[in-house]
Each structure stands twice: as structure tokens, then as C-alpha cells.
């Protein structure tokens, strides 16, 4: 019942290339085509987590870690710790890191060779997509991303 996006890496940003809006009257706006910061979004963290460490370091040095809310991660060390959790857990939850009141959960989409080529995210207002609910829907997001990956030829 929430908004679903697919995002890919573009320069120093995650760009949403497709979106399915949930049925609720109150939801997130149309993100398609918008460039969003990698460090402050669930999709961006997924894309960062699965890239080579050298490439990630260079990209973060160029992009910086701008603060958008009081919850935005602005420390490289803290971000790296979060990214290790993403690779371990297979998903990430972002709570009001880009905008106050906006929460999201994302998982990786892989190509036929197993490379992460995109992120599938579910986002919604914090009063509806609470931290607990985001963790509860994470397995569904992971399963959907895995299904898309299989359609892309991934056999893992």
C-alpha cells in the first residue's frame, strides 16, 4: 500500500527510473527522474553498499555528506558501518534521513552476473511506515527485488 520505486546510480546520485504509487491519498510525491543523495536514501545506500570500496570512497569524496535532517548520516565511518549492515542483511531501512516524516526500505536488484544494478524501495509517511513496519515489510521488499533479479537472469 506504499510507494515503490526503482533507482539506479547516475554520477553521484540515485535516480528513480520507475514508480508505482500506493492507493493512499497521502503518499510521497512522484520521484521519477529526480536525483537523490546516495547517503541519505535507502536506495542510495543499497547502491553504495554493493560497489567497490575504492569507487565508493571516490564517489563520496566528490559528493560529500550533506545534512538534510537531524537523522542524516554525515560521517563516513557511520555510513560505512551502515553499509556493512546492508551487505549482511540484504536491505536497509532509512528513517527520516532525507525528509522529516519520510521513511523507506530498499533492497538490491542484480543483473545476470550478480552485479547490483538498481535498488527497489518502498517509501511512505513515517506515521504509516514506522520503523517497526519498515522492518516487517523488508522481507517482502527483498523478495520482490530477488524476483526482479531472477527476471534479469540472476541465478543466485
N, C-alpha and C. Protein backbone atom coordinates (compact mmCIF):
# COMPACT_ATOMS: atom_id res chain seq x y z
N UNK A 1 0.78 -1.21 0.00
CA UNK A 1 0.00 0.00 0.00
C UNK A 1 0.82 1.27 0.00
N UNK A 2 2.15 1.18 -0.13
CA UNK A 2 3.00 2.37 -0.14
C UNK A 2 3.60 2.56 -1.53
N UNK A 3 4.38 3.60 -1.70
CA UNK A 3 5.01 3.91 -2.98
C UNK A 3 6.25 3.05 -3.18
N UNK A 4 6.40 2.51 -4.38
CA UNK A 4 7.52 1.66 -4.73
C UNK A 4 8.30 2.34 -5.85
N UNK A 5 9.63 2.39 -5.71
CA UNK A 5 10.49 2.98 -6.72
C UNK A 5 11.62 2.02 -7.09
N UNK A 6 12.10 2.18 -8.32
CA UNK A 6 13.34 1.53 -8.74
C UNK A 6 14.30 2.65 -9.07
N UNK A 7 15.50 2.58 -8.47
CA UNK A 7 16.52 3.62 -8.67
C UNK A 7 17.81 2.99 -9.17
N UNK A 8 18.54 3.76 -9.97
CA UNK A 8 19.85 3.36 -10.47
C UNK A 8 20.86 4.45 -10.14
N UNK A 9 22.13 4.09 -10.24
CA UNK A 9 23.21 5.04 -10.00
C UNK A 9 23.39 5.94 -11.22
N UNK A 10 23.50 7.23 -10.97
CA UNK A 10 23.80 8.19 -12.03
C UNK A 10 24.74 9.22 -11.43
N UNK A 11 25.97 9.20 -11.86
CA UNK A 11 27.01 10.09 -11.33
C UNK A 11 27.09 9.90 -9.83
N UNK A 12 26.79 10.96 -9.07
CA UNK A 12 26.88 10.91 -7.61
C UNK A 12 25.52 10.81 -6.94
N UNK A 13 24.53 10.30 -7.67
CA UNK A 13 23.16 10.28 -7.19
C UNK A 13 22.48 8.95 -7.48
N UNK A 14 21.38 8.73 -6.77
CA UNK A 14 20.43 7.68 -7.13
C UNK A 14 19.33 8.39 -7.91
N UNK A 15 18.97 7.87 -9.06
CA UNK A 15 17.88 8.45 -9.84
C UNK A 15 16.78 7.40 -9.96
N UNK A 16 15.58 7.80 -9.65
CA UNK A 16 14.44 6.90 -9.73
C UNK A 16 13.97 6.83 -11.17
N UNK A 17 13.91 5.60 -11.69
CA UNK A 17 13.54 5.40 -13.09
C UNK A 17 12.13 4.88 -13.27
N UNK A 18 11.51 4.39 -12.21
CA UNK A 18 10.14 3.93 -12.29
C UNK A 18 9.51 4.01 -10.90
N UNK A 19 8.20 4.19 -10.88
CA UNK A 19 7.49 4.34 -9.60
C UNK A 19 6.09 3.79 -9.73
N UNK A 20 5.64 3.13 -8.67
CA UNK A 20 4.24 2.71 -8.54
C UNK A 20 3.75 3.32 -7.23
N UNK A 21 2.78 4.22 -7.34
CA UNK A 21 2.27 4.88 -6.15
C UNK A 21 1.23 4.03 -5.47
N UNK A 22 1.25 4.08 -4.13
CA UNK A 22 0.27 3.35 -3.35
C UNK A 22 -1.10 4.00 -3.45
N UNK A 23 -2.14 3.33 -2.98
CA UNK A 23 -3.50 3.83 -3.11
C UNK A 23 -3.90 4.93 -2.13
N UNK A 24 -3.09 5.18 -1.11
CA UNK A 24 -3.46 6.16 -0.10
C UNK A 24 -3.46 7.58 -0.66
N UNK A 25 -4.36 8.38 -0.16
CA UNK A 25 -4.44 9.78 -0.58
C UNK A 25 -3.20 10.54 -0.14
N UNK A 26 -2.66 10.15 1.01
CA UNK A 26 -1.43 10.78 1.50
C UNK A 26 -0.28 9.82 1.21
N UNK A 27 0.61 10.26 0.36
CA UNK A 27 1.75 9.44 -0.02
C UNK A 27 2.89 10.33 -0.46
N UNK A 28 3.96 9.71 -0.90
CA UNK A 28 5.09 10.50 -1.35
C UNK A 28 4.83 10.99 -2.77
N UNK A 29 5.55 12.01 -3.17
CA UNK A 29 5.33 12.60 -4.49
C UNK A 29 6.02 11.77 -5.58
N UNK A 30 5.89 12.20 -6.81
CA UNK A 30 6.49 11.49 -7.93
C UNK A 30 8.00 11.72 -7.93
N UNK A 31 8.76 10.66 -7.69
CA UNK A 31 10.21 10.74 -7.61
C UNK A 31 10.90 10.42 -8.93
N UNK A 32 10.14 10.00 -9.94
CA UNK A 32 10.75 9.57 -11.20
C UNK A 32 11.56 10.71 -11.82
N UNK A 33 12.81 10.39 -12.15
CA UNK A 33 13.70 11.36 -12.75
C UNK A 33 14.45 12.24 -11.78
N UNK A 34 14.08 12.20 -10.52
CA UNK A 34 14.75 13.04 -9.53
C UNK A 34 16.06 12.41 -9.07
N UNK A 35 17.06 13.27 -8.95
CA UNK A 35 18.35 12.84 -8.42
C UNK A 35 18.29 12.97 -6.91
N UNK A 36 18.60 11.90 -6.20
CA UNK A 36 18.57 11.92 -4.74
C UNK A 36 19.94 11.54 -4.21
N UNK A 37 20.31 12.08 -3.05
CA UNK A 37 21.64 11.81 -2.49
C UNK A 37 21.78 10.35 -2.07
N UNK A 38 22.89 9.78 -2.41
CA UNK A 38 23.12 8.37 -2.11
C UNK A 38 23.15 8.09 -0.61
N UNK A 39 23.79 8.97 0.16
CA UNK A 39 23.98 8.69 1.59
C UNK A 39 22.73 8.90 2.44
N UNK A 40 21.72 9.58 1.89
CA UNK A 40 20.55 9.94 2.69
C UNK A 40 19.28 9.22 2.25
N UNK A 41 19.41 8.22 1.38
CA UNK A 41 18.23 7.48 0.91
C UNK A 41 18.49 5.99 1.04
N UNK A 42 17.41 5.23 1.15
CA UNK A 42 17.56 3.77 1.24
C UNK A 42 18.11 3.22 -0.07
N UNK A 43 17.60 3.69 -1.20
CA UNK A 43 18.10 3.21 -2.49
C UNK A 43 19.57 3.56 -2.66
N UNK A 44 19.93 4.76 -2.30
CA UNK A 44 21.32 5.18 -2.42
C UNK A 44 22.25 4.33 -1.58
N UNK A 45 21.83 4.00 -0.39
CA UNK A 45 22.67 3.16 0.48
C UNK A 45 22.86 1.77 -0.12
N UNK A 46 21.80 1.23 -0.73
CA UNK A 46 21.93 -0.07 -1.39
C UNK A 46 22.95 0.04 -2.52
N UNK A 47 22.84 1.07 -3.34
CA UNK A 47 23.77 1.23 -4.46
C UNK A 47 25.20 1.43 -3.98
N UNK A 48 25.38 2.18 -2.90
CA UNK A 48 26.71 2.38 -2.33
C UNK A 48 27.28 1.09 -1.73
N UNK A 49 26.45 0.35 -1.03
CA UNK A 49 26.91 -0.82 -0.29
C UNK A 49 27.54 -1.88 -1.17
N UNK A 50 27.05 -2.00 -2.39
CA UNK A 50 27.50 -3.09 -3.24
C UNK A 50 28.51 -2.65 -4.31
N UNK A 51 29.02 -1.42 -4.21
CA UNK A 51 30.06 -1.02 -5.16
C UNK A 51 31.44 -1.25 -4.54
N UNK A 52 32.44 -1.25 -5.38
CA UNK A 52 33.82 -1.44 -4.91
C UNK A 52 34.19 -0.33 -3.94
N UNK A 53 34.95 -0.69 -2.91
CA UNK A 53 35.30 0.26 -1.84
C UNK A 53 36.01 1.51 -2.39
N UNK A 54 36.93 1.32 -3.33
CA UNK A 54 37.65 2.47 -3.90
C UNK A 54 36.70 3.40 -4.64
N UNK A 55 35.81 2.82 -5.43
CA UNK A 55 34.84 3.63 -6.18
C UNK A 55 33.91 4.37 -5.22
N UNK A 56 33.49 3.69 -4.16
CA UNK A 56 32.62 4.31 -3.17
C UNK A 56 33.32 5.46 -2.47
N UNK A 57 34.56 5.25 -2.08
CA UNK A 57 35.33 6.30 -1.41
C UNK A 57 35.45 7.54 -2.31
N UNK A 58 35.79 7.33 -3.58
CA UNK A 58 35.93 8.45 -4.52
C UNK A 58 34.60 9.16 -4.73
N UNK A 59 33.55 8.39 -4.88
CA UNK A 59 32.23 8.97 -5.11
C UNK A 59 31.79 9.81 -3.91
N UNK A 60 31.97 9.29 -2.71
CA UNK A 60 31.57 10.02 -1.50
C UNK A 60 32.42 11.27 -1.31
N UNK A 61 33.70 11.20 -1.67
CA UNK A 61 34.56 12.38 -1.56
C UNK A 61 34.08 13.47 -2.50
N UNK A 62 33.64 13.09 -3.69
CA UNK A 62 33.15 14.06 -4.67
C UNK A 62 31.78 14.60 -4.28
N UNK A 63 30.90 13.73 -3.78
CA UNK A 63 29.53 14.13 -3.48
C UNK A 63 29.39 14.83 -2.14
N UNK A 64 30.19 14.43 -1.16
CA UNK A 64 30.04 14.96 0.18
C UNK A 64 28.88 14.29 0.91
N UNK A 65 28.74 14.60 2.17
CA UNK A 65 27.69 14.02 3.01
C UNK A 65 26.86 15.14 3.62
N UNK A 66 26.10 15.80 2.77
CA UNK A 66 25.27 16.93 3.20
C UNK A 66 24.20 16.48 4.20
N UNK A 67 23.95 17.30 5.19
CA UNK A 67 22.89 17.03 6.17
C UNK A 67 21.56 17.57 5.62
N UNK A 68 20.54 16.71 5.61
CA UNK A 68 19.20 17.10 5.19
C UNK A 68 18.23 17.17 6.36
N UNK A 69 18.44 16.31 7.35
CA UNK A 69 17.63 16.30 8.58
C UNK A 69 18.57 15.99 9.74
N UNK A 70 18.05 16.00 10.93
CA UNK A 70 18.88 15.66 12.09
C UNK A 70 19.29 14.19 12.07
N UNK A 71 18.63 13.37 11.26
CA UNK A 71 18.95 11.94 11.18
C UNK A 71 19.87 11.57 10.01
N UNK A 72 20.21 12.53 9.18
CA UNK A 72 21.10 12.25 8.05
C UNK A 72 22.47 11.83 8.55
N UNK A 73 23.00 10.77 7.98
CA UNK A 73 24.35 10.33 8.32
C UNK A 73 25.34 11.24 7.60
N UNK A 74 26.21 11.89 8.37
CA UNK A 74 27.19 12.81 7.78
C UNK A 74 28.63 12.39 8.09
N UNK A 75 28.82 11.25 8.68
CA UNK A 75 30.14 10.72 8.99
C UNK A 75 30.43 9.53 8.08
N UNK A 76 31.58 9.54 7.43
CA UNK A 76 31.96 8.43 6.56
C UNK A 76 32.02 7.14 7.36
N UNK A 77 32.54 7.18 8.58
CA UNK A 77 32.66 5.98 9.41
C UNK A 77 31.28 5.41 9.73
N UNK A 78 30.34 6.28 10.11
CA UNK A 78 28.98 5.82 10.41
C UNK A 78 28.30 5.26 9.17
N UNK A 79 28.51 5.92 8.04
CA UNK A 79 27.92 5.43 6.79
C UNK A 79 28.50 4.08 6.42
N UNK A 80 29.80 3.92 6.53
CA UNK A 80 30.43 2.63 6.20
C UNK A 80 29.89 1.51 7.10
N UNK A 81 29.66 1.81 8.37
CA UNK A 81 29.09 0.81 9.28
C UNK A 81 27.69 0.42 8.81
N UNK A 82 26.89 1.39 8.42
CA UNK A 82 25.53 1.12 7.93
C UNK A 82 25.60 0.30 6.65
N UNK A 83 26.54 0.61 5.78
CA UNK A 83 26.66 -0.11 4.51
C UNK A 83 27.07 -1.56 4.73
N UNK A 84 27.89 -1.83 5.74
CA UNK A 84 28.23 -3.22 6.07
C UNK A 84 26.98 -3.98 6.48
N UNK A 85 26.07 -3.31 7.20
CA UNK A 85 24.82 -3.96 7.58
C UNK A 85 23.96 -4.27 6.35
N UNK A 86 23.99 -3.39 5.37
CA UNK A 86 23.21 -3.60 4.15
C UNK A 86 23.69 -4.87 3.44
N UNK A 87 25.00 -5.03 3.32
CA UNK A 87 25.52 -6.22 2.63
C UNK A 87 25.25 -7.48 3.44
N UNK A 88 25.23 -7.36 4.76
CA UNK A 88 24.94 -8.52 5.62
C UNK A 88 23.45 -8.88 5.59
N UNK A 89 22.58 -7.86 5.71
CA UNK A 89 21.14 -8.09 5.84
C UNK A 89 20.42 -8.20 4.51
N UNK A 90 20.97 -7.59 3.47
CA UNK A 90 20.32 -7.61 2.16
C UNK A 90 19.27 -6.53 1.97
N UNK A 91 19.18 -5.61 2.91
CA UNK A 91 18.26 -4.48 2.80
C UNK A 91 18.71 -3.38 3.76
N UNK A 92 18.10 -2.22 3.62
CA UNK A 92 18.37 -1.11 4.53
C UNK A 92 17.07 -0.35 4.79
N UNK A 93 16.93 0.13 6.01
CA UNK A 93 15.81 1.00 6.38
C UNK A 93 16.37 2.39 6.62
N UNK A 94 15.77 3.39 6.01
CA UNK A 94 16.14 4.79 6.25
C UNK A 94 14.96 5.49 6.90
N UNK A 95 15.23 6.11 8.05
CA UNK A 95 14.18 6.77 8.83
C UNK A 95 14.42 8.27 8.86
N UNK A 96 13.64 8.99 8.10
CA UNK A 96 13.67 10.46 8.08
C UNK A 96 15.06 11.03 7.84
N UNK A 97 15.83 10.40 6.95
CA UNK A 97 17.20 10.87 6.67
C UNK A 97 17.23 11.91 5.55
N UNK A 98 16.27 11.85 4.62
CA UNK A 98 16.22 12.82 3.52
C UNK A 98 15.22 13.92 3.82
N UNK A 99 14.07 13.53 4.31
CA UNK A 99 13.00 14.48 4.64
C UNK A 99 12.37 14.08 5.96
N UNK A 100 12.05 15.06 6.81
CA UNK A 100 11.30 14.71 8.02
C UNK A 100 9.96 14.08 7.63
N UNK A 101 9.63 12.99 8.29
CA UNK A 101 8.35 12.34 8.04
C UNK A 101 8.35 11.33 6.90
N UNK A 102 9.50 11.08 6.27
CA UNK A 102 9.58 10.12 5.16
C UNK A 102 10.50 8.97 5.53
N UNK A 103 9.97 7.76 5.51
CA UNK A 103 10.75 6.56 5.79
C UNK A 103 10.75 5.66 4.57
N UNK A 104 11.76 4.80 4.49
CA UNK A 104 11.87 3.90 3.33
C UNK A 104 12.67 2.67 3.68
N UNK A 105 12.46 1.63 2.90
CA UNK A 105 13.26 0.40 2.98
C UNK A 105 13.60 0.01 1.55
N UNK A 106 14.84 -0.47 1.33
CA UNK A 106 15.27 -0.83 -0.02
C UNK A 106 16.11 -2.09 -0.02
N UNK A 107 16.12 -2.76 -1.17
CA UNK A 107 16.91 -3.98 -1.38
C UNK A 107 17.51 -3.94 -2.79
N UNK A 108 18.59 -4.70 -3.00
CA UNK A 108 19.28 -4.66 -4.29
C UNK A 108 18.60 -5.49 -5.38
N UNK A 109 18.70 -4.98 -6.60
CA UNK A 109 18.33 -5.72 -7.81
C UNK A 109 19.63 -6.05 -8.54
N UNK A 110 19.80 -7.32 -8.93
CA UNK A 110 21.03 -7.79 -9.56
C UNK A 110 20.79 -8.18 -11.02
N UNK A 111 21.85 -8.04 -11.80
CA UNK A 111 21.78 -8.48 -13.20
C UNK A 111 22.17 -9.95 -13.29
N UNK A 112 22.24 -10.47 -14.51
CA UNK A 112 22.53 -11.88 -14.73
C UNK A 112 23.87 -12.31 -14.15
N UNK A 113 24.81 -11.39 -14.02
CA UNK A 113 26.14 -11.71 -13.48
C UNK A 113 26.21 -11.52 -11.96
N UNK A 114 25.13 -11.09 -11.34
CA UNK A 114 25.12 -10.90 -9.90
C UNK A 114 25.49 -9.51 -9.44
N UNK A 115 25.77 -8.60 -10.39
CA UNK A 115 26.11 -7.23 -10.04
C UNK A 115 24.84 -6.46 -9.66
N UNK A 116 24.94 -5.63 -8.62
CA UNK A 116 23.81 -4.80 -8.23
C UNK A 116 23.69 -3.66 -9.24
N UNK A 117 22.55 -3.61 -9.92
CA UNK A 117 22.33 -2.62 -10.98
C UNK A 117 21.26 -1.60 -10.61
N UNK A 118 20.52 -1.88 -9.54
CA UNK A 118 19.42 -0.99 -9.15
C UNK A 118 19.01 -1.31 -7.72
N UNK A 119 18.14 -0.47 -7.20
CA UNK A 119 17.57 -0.70 -5.87
C UNK A 119 16.06 -0.58 -5.96
N UNK A 120 15.37 -1.47 -5.28
CA UNK A 120 13.92 -1.42 -5.17
C UNK A 120 13.59 -0.88 -3.79
N UNK A 121 12.79 0.17 -3.72
CA UNK A 121 12.46 0.75 -2.41
C UNK A 121 10.96 0.89 -2.24
N UNK A 122 10.56 0.86 -0.99
CA UNK A 122 9.20 1.17 -0.57
C UNK A 122 9.31 2.35 0.39
N UNK A 123 8.54 3.40 0.13
CA UNK A 123 8.61 4.57 1.00
C UNK A 123 7.21 5.04 1.36
N UNK A 124 7.14 5.73 2.48
CA UNK A 124 5.85 6.25 2.92
C UNK A 124 6.03 7.16 4.11
N UNK A 125 4.93 7.80 4.50
CA UNK A 125 4.99 8.70 5.65
C UNK A 125 5.34 7.94 6.93
N UNK A 126 6.12 8.58 7.78
CA UNK A 126 6.63 7.93 8.99
C UNK A 126 5.51 7.46 9.93
N UNK A 127 4.37 8.13 9.89
CA UNK A 127 3.29 7.69 10.79
C UNK A 127 2.66 6.38 10.30
N UNK A 128 2.83 6.06 9.01
CA UNK A 128 2.28 4.83 8.46
C UNK A 128 3.37 3.79 8.26
N UNK A 129 4.50 4.19 7.71
CA UNK A 129 5.65 3.30 7.52
C UNK A 129 6.62 3.56 8.67
N UNK A 130 6.22 3.09 9.84
CA UNK A 130 7.04 3.26 11.04
C UNK A 130 8.29 2.40 10.94
N UNK A 131 9.22 2.60 11.85
CA UNK A 131 10.44 1.79 11.87
C UNK A 131 10.09 0.31 11.98
N UNK A 132 9.13 -0.01 12.84
CA UNK A 132 8.73 -1.40 13.02
C UNK A 132 8.09 -1.96 11.75
N UNK A 133 7.20 -1.19 11.14
CA UNK A 133 6.54 -1.66 9.92
C UNK A 133 7.56 -1.79 8.79
N UNK A 134 8.53 -0.87 8.71
CA UNK A 134 9.56 -0.96 7.67
C UNK A 134 10.34 -2.26 7.82
N UNK A 135 10.69 -2.62 9.04
CA UNK A 135 11.39 -3.89 9.26
C UNK A 135 10.50 -5.08 8.92
N UNK A 136 9.19 -4.95 9.18
CA UNK A 136 8.25 -6.03 8.85
C UNK A 136 8.09 -6.21 7.34
N UNK A 137 8.13 -5.11 6.57
CA UNK A 137 7.97 -5.24 5.11
C UNK A 137 9.30 -5.52 4.41
N UNK A 138 10.41 -5.42 5.12
CA UNK A 138 11.71 -5.66 4.49
C UNK A 138 11.78 -7.01 3.78
N UNK A 139 11.31 -8.12 4.38
CA UNK A 139 11.37 -9.39 3.65
C UNK A 139 10.56 -9.38 2.35
N UNK A 140 9.47 -8.64 2.33
CA UNK A 140 8.67 -8.54 1.11
C UNK A 140 9.42 -7.74 0.05
N UNK A 141 10.10 -6.67 0.46
CA UNK A 141 10.90 -5.86 -0.46
C UNK A 141 12.05 -6.70 -1.01
N UNK A 142 12.72 -7.44 -0.14
CA UNK A 142 13.83 -8.30 -0.58
C UNK A 142 13.31 -9.35 -1.57
N UNK A 143 12.17 -9.96 -1.26
CA UNK A 143 11.62 -10.99 -2.16
C UNK A 143 11.26 -10.38 -3.52
N UNK A 144 10.71 -9.19 -3.53
CA UNK A 144 10.36 -8.53 -4.79
C UNK A 144 11.62 -8.20 -5.59
N UNK A 145 12.65 -7.69 -4.91
CA UNK A 145 13.91 -7.38 -5.59
C UNK A 145 14.55 -8.65 -6.12
N UNK A 146 14.48 -9.73 -5.36
CA UNK A 146 15.01 -11.01 -5.82
C UNK A 146 14.26 -11.52 -7.04
N UNK A 147 12.94 -11.33 -7.05
CA UNK A 147 12.13 -11.74 -8.20
C UNK A 147 12.54 -10.97 -9.46
N UNK A 148 12.72 -9.67 -9.31
CA UNK A 148 13.16 -8.85 -10.45
C UNK A 148 14.55 -9.32 -10.90
N UNK A 149 15.42 -9.59 -9.95
CA UNK A 149 16.77 -10.07 -10.27
C UNK A 149 16.72 -11.36 -11.07
N UNK A 150 15.86 -12.29 -10.67
CA UNK A 150 15.72 -13.54 -11.43
C UNK A 150 15.24 -13.25 -12.85
N UNK A 151 14.34 -12.29 -13.00
CA UNK A 151 13.86 -11.91 -14.33
C UNK A 151 14.99 -11.29 -15.17
N UNK A 152 15.98 -10.72 -14.49
CA UNK A 152 17.14 -10.15 -15.17
C UNK A 152 18.19 -11.22 -15.47
N UNK A 153 17.90 -12.46 -15.08
CA UNK A 153 18.81 -13.57 -15.37
C UNK A 153 19.68 -14.02 -14.22
N UNK A 154 19.51 -13.40 -13.06
CA UNK A 154 20.34 -13.76 -11.90
C UNK A 154 19.90 -15.13 -11.37
N UNK A 155 20.86 -16.00 -11.16
CA UNK A 155 20.57 -17.37 -10.71
C UNK A 155 20.91 -17.61 -9.24
N UNK A 156 21.45 -16.61 -8.55
CA UNK A 156 21.95 -16.78 -7.18
C UNK A 156 20.93 -17.04 -6.14
